[in-house]
Amino acid sequence: MKFVFRLEAPLRLAHHAEEQAKRALGQAMGILDRHRTTLQTLRDDLESETLAQSIPRSGQIWIQGQNLFLEWTQGQKRKISTAIEAIREAEARVEEARVQLVEKRRAVEVFERLKQRRHAQWKLELSRKELAESSDMAGRRWMAQRRTV
């Protein structure tokens, strides 16, 4: 006799949901990493250009160039603010995905523990049946030997 877990289909569905949650977490973490990389690039660009503009120059100062630099700096700061906000949102999505993964993992663990318990019960019942059958056979043999003697 073979062990059959009647809740195998829900267990498979729970495993599938867990895998989907893992993929969703991975995607959310990838998006977060891209936003962080973008933010670091923006900050590096701003810092390098600011350093380049702060180098003492000899001769005439180009006012229009200075105005363009200030506008560019303000634009970079706006992009940095937007990137920081995107990172916050991505971090929230990552946390939400982690929570979902934990919930899905718990569901799988519940089904797996139930399967283990049912399997242990099945083995116990099987051994009891085998013991009962062997006792019954031993009793029959004893009775058969007694009749012949």
C-alpha atoms as a PDB file:
ATOM      1  CA  MET A   1       0.000   0.000   0.000  1.00  0.00           C
ATOM      2  CA  LYS A   2       1.300   3.425  -0.924  1.00  0.00           C
ATOM      3  CA  PHE A   3       0.906   6.618   1.128  1.00  0.00           C
ATOM      4  CA  VAL A   4      -1.416   9.152  -0.493  1.00  0.00           C
ATOM      5  CA  PHE A   5      -1.571  12.701   0.843  1.00  0.00           C
ATOM      6  CA  ARG A   6      -5.011  14.000  -0.004  1.00  0.00           C
ATOM      7  CA  LEU A   7      -3.904  17.624   0.208  1.00  0.00           C
ATOM      8  CA  GLU A   8      -1.132  17.239  -2.366  1.00  0.00           C
ATOM      9  CA  ALA A   9      -2.831  19.621  -4.821  1.00  0.00           C
ATOM     10  CA  PRO A  10      -3.089  22.481  -2.285  1.00  0.00           C
ATOM     11  CA  LEU A  11       0.520  21.772  -1.269  1.00  0.00           C
ATOM     12  CA  ARG A  12       1.629  22.135  -4.892  1.00  0.00           C
ATOM     13  CA  LEU A  13      -0.365  25.366  -5.164  1.00  0.00           C
ATOM     14  CA  ALA A  14       1.267  26.659  -1.983  1.00  0.00           C
ATOM     15  CA  HIS A  15       4.713  25.818  -3.408  1.00  0.00           C
ATOM     16  CA  HIS A  16       3.800  27.605  -6.624  1.00  0.00           C
ATOM     17  CA  ALA A  17       2.617  30.680  -4.712  1.00  0.00           C
ATOM     18  CA  GLU A  18       5.860  30.652  -2.725  1.00  0.00           C
ATOM     19  CA  GLU A  19       7.913  30.562  -5.924  1.00  0.00           C
ATOM     20  CA  GLN A  20       5.920  33.464  -7.321  1.00  0.00           C
ATOM     21  CA  ALA A  21       6.540  35.416  -4.114  1.00  0.00           C
ATOM     22  CA  LYS A  22      10.280  34.684  -4.413  1.00  0.00           C
ATOM     23  CA  ARG A  23      10.285  35.970  -7.988  1.00  0.00           C
ATOM     24  CA  ALA A  24       8.337  39.084  -6.972  1.00  0.00           C
ATOM     25  CA  LEU A  25      10.824  39.766  -4.181  1.00  0.00           C
ATOM     26  CA  GLY A  26      13.723  39.333  -6.592  1.00  0.00           C
ATOM     27  CA  GLN A  27      12.163  41.719  -9.075  1.00  0.00           C
ATOM     28  CA  ALA A  28      11.464  44.303  -6.366  1.00  0.00           C
ATOM     29  CA  MET A  29      15.046  44.045  -5.138  1.00  0.00           C
ATOM     30  CA  GLY A  30      16.325  44.450  -8.699  1.00  0.00           C
ATOM     31  CA  ILE A  31      14.280  47.607  -9.156  1.00  0.00           C
ATOM     32  CA  LEU A  32      15.566  48.925  -5.830  1.00  0.00           C
ATOM     33  CA  ASP A  33      19.165  48.252  -6.880  1.00  0.00           C
ATOM     34  CA  ARG A  34      18.632  50.076 -10.187  1.00  0.00           C
ATOM     35  CA  HIS A  35      17.186  53.103  -8.374  1.00  0.00           C
ATOM     36  CA  ARG A  36      20.114  53.133  -5.964  1.00  0.00           C
ATOM     37  CA  THR A  37      22.572  52.942  -8.862  1.00  0.00           C
ATOM     38  CA  THR A  38      20.787  55.801 -10.612  1.00  0.00           C
ATOM     39  CA  LEU A  39      20.896  57.896  -7.432  1.00  0.00           C
ATOM     40  CA  GLN A  40      24.607  57.235  -6.969  1.00  0.00           C
ATOM     41  CA  THR A  41      25.297  58.176 -10.599  1.00  0.00           C
ATOM     42  CA  LEU A  42      23.354  61.432 -10.217  1.00  0.00           C
ATOM     43  CA  ARG A  43      25.207  62.282  -7.026  1.00  0.00           C
ATOM     44  CA  ASP A  44      28.584  61.445  -8.588  1.00  0.00           C
ATOM     45  CA  ASP A  45      27.809  63.606 -11.630  1.00  0.00           C
ATOM     46  CA  LEU A  46      26.751  66.514  -9.429  1.00  0.00           C
ATOM     47  CA  GLU A  47      29.852  66.217  -7.270  1.00  0.00           C
ATOM     48  CA  SER A  48      32.277  65.968 -10.200  1.00  0.00           C
ATOM     49  CA  GLU A  49      30.718  68.925 -12.011  1.00  0.00           C
ATOM     50  CA  THR A  50      30.647  70.999  -8.835  1.00  0.00           C
ATOM     51  CA  LEU A  51      34.339  70.255  -8.293  1.00  0.00           C
ATOM     52  CA  ALA A  52      35.081  71.123 -11.909  1.00  0.00           C
ATOM     53  CA  GLN A  53      33.271  74.442 -11.538  1.00  0.00           C
ATOM     54  CA  SER A  54      35.088  75.291  -8.320  1.00  0.00           C
ATOM     55  CA  ILE A  55      38.547  75.132  -9.891  1.00  0.00           C
ATOM     56  CA  PRO A  56      39.992  78.656  -9.921  1.00  0.00           C
ATOM     57  CA  ARG A  57      40.008  80.115 -13.389  1.00  0.00           C
ATOM     58  CA  SER A  58      42.049  82.873 -14.753  1.00  0.00           C
ATOM     59  CA  GLY A  59      40.595  85.393 -17.083  1.00  0.00           C
ATOM     60  CA  GLN A  60      37.051  86.249 -17.913  1.00  0.00           C
ATOM     61  CA  ILE A  61      34.087  84.510 -16.161  1.00  0.00           C
ATOM     62  CA  TRP A  62      31.352  83.462 -18.511  1.00  0.00           C
ATOM     63  CA  ILE A  63      28.115  84.511 -16.809  1.00  0.00           C
ATOM     64  CA  GLN A  64      25.850  82.599 -19.141  1.00  0.00           C
ATOM     65  CA  GLY A  65      27.899  79.450 -18.431  1.00  0.00           C
ATOM     66  CA  GLN A  66      27.524  80.032 -14.707  1.00  0.00           C
ATOM     67  CA  ASN A  67      23.758  80.407 -15.124  1.00  0.00           C
ATOM     68  CA  LEU A  68      23.603  77.201 -17.183  1.00  0.00           C
ATOM     69  CA  PHE A  69      25.576  75.412 -14.488  1.00  0.00           C
ATOM     70  CA  LEU A  70      23.208  76.647 -11.776  1.00  0.00           C
ATOM     71  CA  GLU A  71      20.183  75.498 -13.792  1.00  0.00           C
ATOM     72  CA  TRP A  72      21.837  72.138 -14.406  1.00  0.00           C
ATOM     73  CA  THR A  73      22.636  71.837 -10.684  1.00  0.00           C
ATOM     74  CA  GLN A  74      19.034  72.569  -9.737  1.00  0.00           C
ATOM     75  CA  GLY A  75      17.867  69.990 -12.294  1.00  0.00           C
ATOM     76  CA  GLN A  76      20.264  67.406 -10.857  1.00  0.00           C
ATOM     77  CA  LYS A  77      18.987  68.117  -7.357  1.00  0.00           C
ATOM     78  CA  ARG A  78      15.406  67.612  -8.553  1.00  0.00           C
ATOM     79  CA  LYS A  79      16.423  64.331 -10.201  1.00  0.00           C
ATOM     80  CA  ILE A  80      18.142  63.275  -6.987  1.00  0.00           C
ATOM     81  CA  SER A  81      14.999  64.067  -4.978  1.00  0.00           C
ATOM     82  CA  THR A  82      12.923  62.066  -7.446  1.00  0.00           C
ATOM     83  CA  ALA A  83      15.405  59.183  -7.242  1.00  0.00           C
ATOM     84  CA  ILE A  84      15.285  59.239  -3.438  1.00  0.00           C
ATOM     85  CA  GLU A  85      11.496  59.085  -3.535  1.00  0.00           C
ATOM     86  CA  ALA A  86      11.662  56.198  -6.030  1.00  0.00           C
ATOM     87  CA  ILE A  87      14.030  54.390  -3.664  1.00  0.00           C
ATOM     88  CA  ARG A  88      11.612  54.839  -0.766  1.00  0.00           C
ATOM     89  CA  GLU A  89       8.776  53.432  -2.846  1.00  0.00           C
ATOM     90  CA  ALA A  90      10.958  50.539  -4.031  1.00  0.00           C
ATOM     91  CA  GLU A  91      11.993  49.795  -0.435  1.00  0.00           C
ATOM     92  CA  ALA A  92       8.321  49.688   0.543  1.00  0.00           C
ATOM     93  CA  ARG A  93       7.625  47.265  -2.322  1.00  0.00           C
ATOM     94  CA  VAL A  94      10.569  45.102  -1.252  1.00  0.00           C
ATOM     95  CA  GLU A  95       9.275  44.991   2.314  1.00  0.00           C
ATOM     96  CA  GLU A  96       5.788  44.129   1.090  1.00  0.00           C
ATOM     97  CA  ALA A  97       7.222  41.366  -1.093  1.00  0.00           C
ATOM     98  CA  ARG A  98       9.193  40.016   1.888  1.00  0.00           C
ATOM     99  CA  VAL A  99       6.040  39.902   3.981  1.00  0.00           C
ATOM    100  CA  GLN A 100       4.218  38.075   1.193  1.00  0.00           C
ATOM    101  CA  LEU A 101       7.063  35.579   0.870  1.00  0.00           C
ATOM    102  CA  VAL A 102       7.014  34.902   4.614  1.00  0.00           C
ATOM    103  CA  GLU A 103       3.253  34.301   4.482  1.00  0.00           C
ATOM    104  CA  LYS A 104       3.584  31.949   1.512  1.00  0.00           C
ATOM    105  CA  ARG A 105       6.472  30.095   3.189  1.00  0.00           C
ATOM    106  CA  ARG A 106       4.401  29.618   6.345  1.00  0.00           C
ATOM    107  CA  ALA A 107       1.553  28.160   4.316  1.00  0.00           C
ATOM    108  CA  VAL A 108       3.927  25.672   2.680  1.00  0.00           C
ATOM    109  CA  GLU A 109       5.392  24.729   6.065  1.00  0.00           C
ATOM    110  CA  VAL A 110       1.905  24.094   7.463  1.00  0.00           C
ATOM    111  CA  PHE A 111       1.087  21.738   4.593  1.00  0.00           C
ATOM    112  CA  GLU A 112       4.449  19.989   4.857  1.00  0.00           C
ATOM    113  CA  ARG A 113       4.084  19.445   8.617  1.00  0.00           C
ATOM    114  CA  LEU A 114       0.582  18.109   8.061  1.00  0.00           C
ATOM    115  CA  LYS A 115       1.908  15.773   5.374  1.00  0.00           C
ATOM    116  CA  GLN A 116       4.631  14.522   7.719  1.00  0.00           C
ATOM    117  CA  ARG A 117       2.101  13.918  10.495  1.00  0.00           C
ATOM    118  CA  ARG A 118      -0.268  12.110   8.172  1.00  0.00           C
ATOM    119  CA  HIS A 119       2.600  10.009   6.827  1.00  0.00           C
ATOM    120  CA  ALA A 120       3.630   9.090  10.384  1.00  0.00           C
ATOM    121  CA  GLN A 121       0.011   8.178  11.203  1.00  0.00           C
ATOM    122  CA  TRP A 122      -0.207   6.094   8.042  1.00  0.00           C
ATOM    123  CA  LYS A 123       2.998   4.238   8.931  1.00  0.00           C
ATOM    124  CA  LEU A 124       1.698   3.587  12.440  1.00  0.00           C
ATOM    125  CA  GLU A 125      -1.613   2.273  11.124  1.00  0.00           C
ATOM    126  CA  LEU A 126       0.217   0.127   8.570  1.00  0.00           C
ATOM    127  CA  SER A 127       2.473  -1.380  11.228  1.00  0.00           C
ATOM    128  CA  ARG A 128      -0.564  -2.041  13.450  1.00  0.00           C
ATOM    129  CA  LYS A 129      -2.342  -3.809  10.588  1.00  0.00           C
ATOM    130  CA  GLU A 130       0.765  -5.850   9.830  1.00  0.00           C
ATOM    131  CA  LEU A 131       1.096  -6.759  13.501  1.00  0.00           C
ATOM    132  CA  ALA A 132      -2.569  -7.732  13.673  1.00  0.00           C
ATOM    133  CA  GLU A 133      -2.232  -9.849  10.513  1.00  0.00           C
ATOM    134  CA  SER A 134       0.904 -11.550  11.747  1.00  0.00           C
ATOM    135  CA  SER A 135      -0.749 -12.246  15.136  1.00  0.00           C
ATOM    136  CA  ASP A 136      -3.761 -13.638  13.344  1.00  0.00           C
ATOM    137  CA  MET A 137      -1.566 -15.873  11.178  1.00  0.00           C
ATOM    138  CA  ALA A 138       0.408 -17.035  14.193  1.00  0.00           C
ATOM    139  CA  GLY A 139      -2.855 -17.883  15.956  1.00  0.00           C
ATOM    140  CA  ARG A 140      -4.077 -19.855  12.946  1.00  0.00           C
ATOM    141  CA  ARG A 141      -0.828 -21.782  12.731  1.00  0.00           C
ATOM    142  CA  TRP A 142      -0.944 -22.579  16.414  1.00  0.00           C
ATOM    143  CA  MET A 143      -4.534 -23.796  16.072  1.00  0.00           C
ATOM    144  CA  ALA A 144      -3.616 -25.846  12.999  1.00  0.00           C
ATOM    145  CA  GLN A 145      -0.684 -27.451  14.824  1.00  0.00           C
ATOM    146  CA  ARG A 146      -2.850 -28.198  17.824  1.00  0.00           C
ATOM    147  CA  ARG A 147      -5.438 -29.982  15.681  1.00  0.00           C
ATOM    148  CA  THR A 148      -2.819 -32.180  14.087  1.00  0.00           C
ATOM    149  CA  VAL A 149      -1.267 -33.231  17.391  1.00  0.00           C
END
